[in-house]
Amino acid sequence: MTRKRLLVTFDCPPPTRALIERAAGDTLECRYLADQPGDLSADAALAMNLPREVSPEALGEARWSLLQLVTAGLDHVRFDTIP
């Protein structure tokens, strides 16, 4: 079975990465934008402050099926820029 790819757009320390990977289990392959700048290829994305983490131009090229924001407020997100 092919695992879906999760892209974490925010920079996080090793303990946070371990937590995300533990939660993903065998279902998701976790990738980190900090390790692969500019590579937004993934099935889903986990973001904290999307406008700071991904440029509007790059965001227009993203093809995620799911975008999960970990912040409570979404006023800073321009949804019209997300395909």
Protein backbone atom coordinates (compact mmCIF):
# COMPACT_ATOMS: atom_id res chain seq x y z
CA MET A 1 0.00 0.00 0.00
CA THR A 2 1.33 3.44 -0.94
CA ARG A 3 1.39 5.87 1.94
CA LYS A 4 -0.06 9.34 1.49
CA ARG A 5 2.41 12.22 1.84
CA LEU A 6 1.97 14.84 4.55
CA LEU A 7 3.90 18.09 4.16
CA VAL A 8 4.59 20.00 7.38
CA THR A 9 5.10 23.61 6.30
CA PHE A 10 6.36 25.05 9.58
CA ASP A 11 9.80 24.53 11.07
CA CYS A 12 9.65 22.30 14.11
CA PRO A 13 12.24 20.84 16.47
CA PRO A 14 12.98 17.09 16.63
CA PRO A 15 10.56 16.40 19.54
CA THR A 16 7.70 17.96 17.57
CA ARG A 17 8.67 16.02 14.46
CA ALA A 18 8.65 12.82 16.51
CA LEU A 19 5.17 13.62 17.79
CA ILE A 20 3.84 14.30 14.27
CA GLU A 21 5.42 11.12 12.93
CA ARG A 22 4.06 9.06 15.81
CA ALA A 23 0.57 10.42 15.12
CA ALA A 24 0.96 9.69 11.39
CA GLY A 25 1.96 6.10 12.09
CA ASP A 26 2.23 3.91 9.03
CA THR A 27 -0.52 5.81 7.24
CA LEU A 28 1.42 8.92 6.22
CA GLU A 29 4.90 9.69 4.99
CA CYS A 30 5.89 12.91 6.77
CA ARG A 31 7.91 15.49 4.87
CA TYR A 32 9.11 18.88 6.08
CA LEU A 33 9.28 22.02 3.97
CA ALA A 34 12.32 23.15 5.98
CA ASP A 35 14.20 20.11 4.63
CA GLN A 36 13.01 20.54 1.03
CA PRO A 37 12.40 24.27 0.41
CA GLY A 38 10.04 24.95 -2.45
CA ASP A 39 8.87 21.34 -2.81
CA LEU A 40 5.16 21.42 -2.02
CA SER A 41 4.36 18.03 -3.51
CA ALA A 42 2.17 16.17 -1.04
CA ASP A 43 -1.32 14.82 -0.60
CA ALA A 44 -2.00 16.91 2.51
CA ALA A 45 -0.38 19.77 4.39
CA LEU A 46 -0.09 20.70 8.05
CA ALA A 47 0.50 24.43 8.50
CA MET A 48 0.76 26.91 11.35
CA ASN A 49 0.91 30.28 9.61
CA LEU A 50 0.46 29.50 5.94
CA PRO A 51 1.14 32.99 4.50
CA ARG A 52 4.51 33.12 6.28
CA GLU A 53 5.45 29.55 5.42
CA VAL A 54 4.45 29.41 1.74
CA SER A 55 4.57 32.27 -0.75
CA PRO A 56 1.35 33.13 -2.61
CA GLU A 57 2.98 32.12 -5.90
CA ALA A 58 4.03 28.73 -4.58
CA LEU A 59 0.69 28.22 -2.88
CA GLY A 60 -1.01 28.59 -6.24
CA GLU A 61 0.89 25.50 -7.41
CA ALA A 62 0.03 23.33 -4.38
CA ARG A 63 -2.31 20.42 -5.05
CA TRP A 64 -3.20 19.21 -1.58
CA SER A 65 -6.40 17.27 -0.94
CA LEU A 66 -6.39 18.43 2.66
CA LEU A 67 -4.97 21.45 4.46
CA GLN A 68 -4.96 21.35 8.26
CA LEU A 69 -4.13 24.57 10.09
CA VAL A 70 -3.00 24.14 13.69
CA THR A 71 -3.83 27.70 14.71
CA ALA A 72 -7.23 28.70 16.05
CA GLY A 73 -7.58 31.93 14.06
CA LEU A 74 -7.70 31.93 10.28
CA ASP A 75 -7.99 35.65 9.60
CA HIS A 76 -4.46 35.70 8.19
CA VAL A 77 -5.22 33.07 5.51
CA ARG A 78 -6.31 34.25 2.06
CA PHE A 79 -8.41 31.31 0.96
CA ASP A 80 -8.77 32.72 -2.56
CA THR A 81 -5.07 31.91 -3.14
CA ILE A 82 -5.49 28.22 -2.33
CA PRO A 83 -6.43 26.06 -5.34
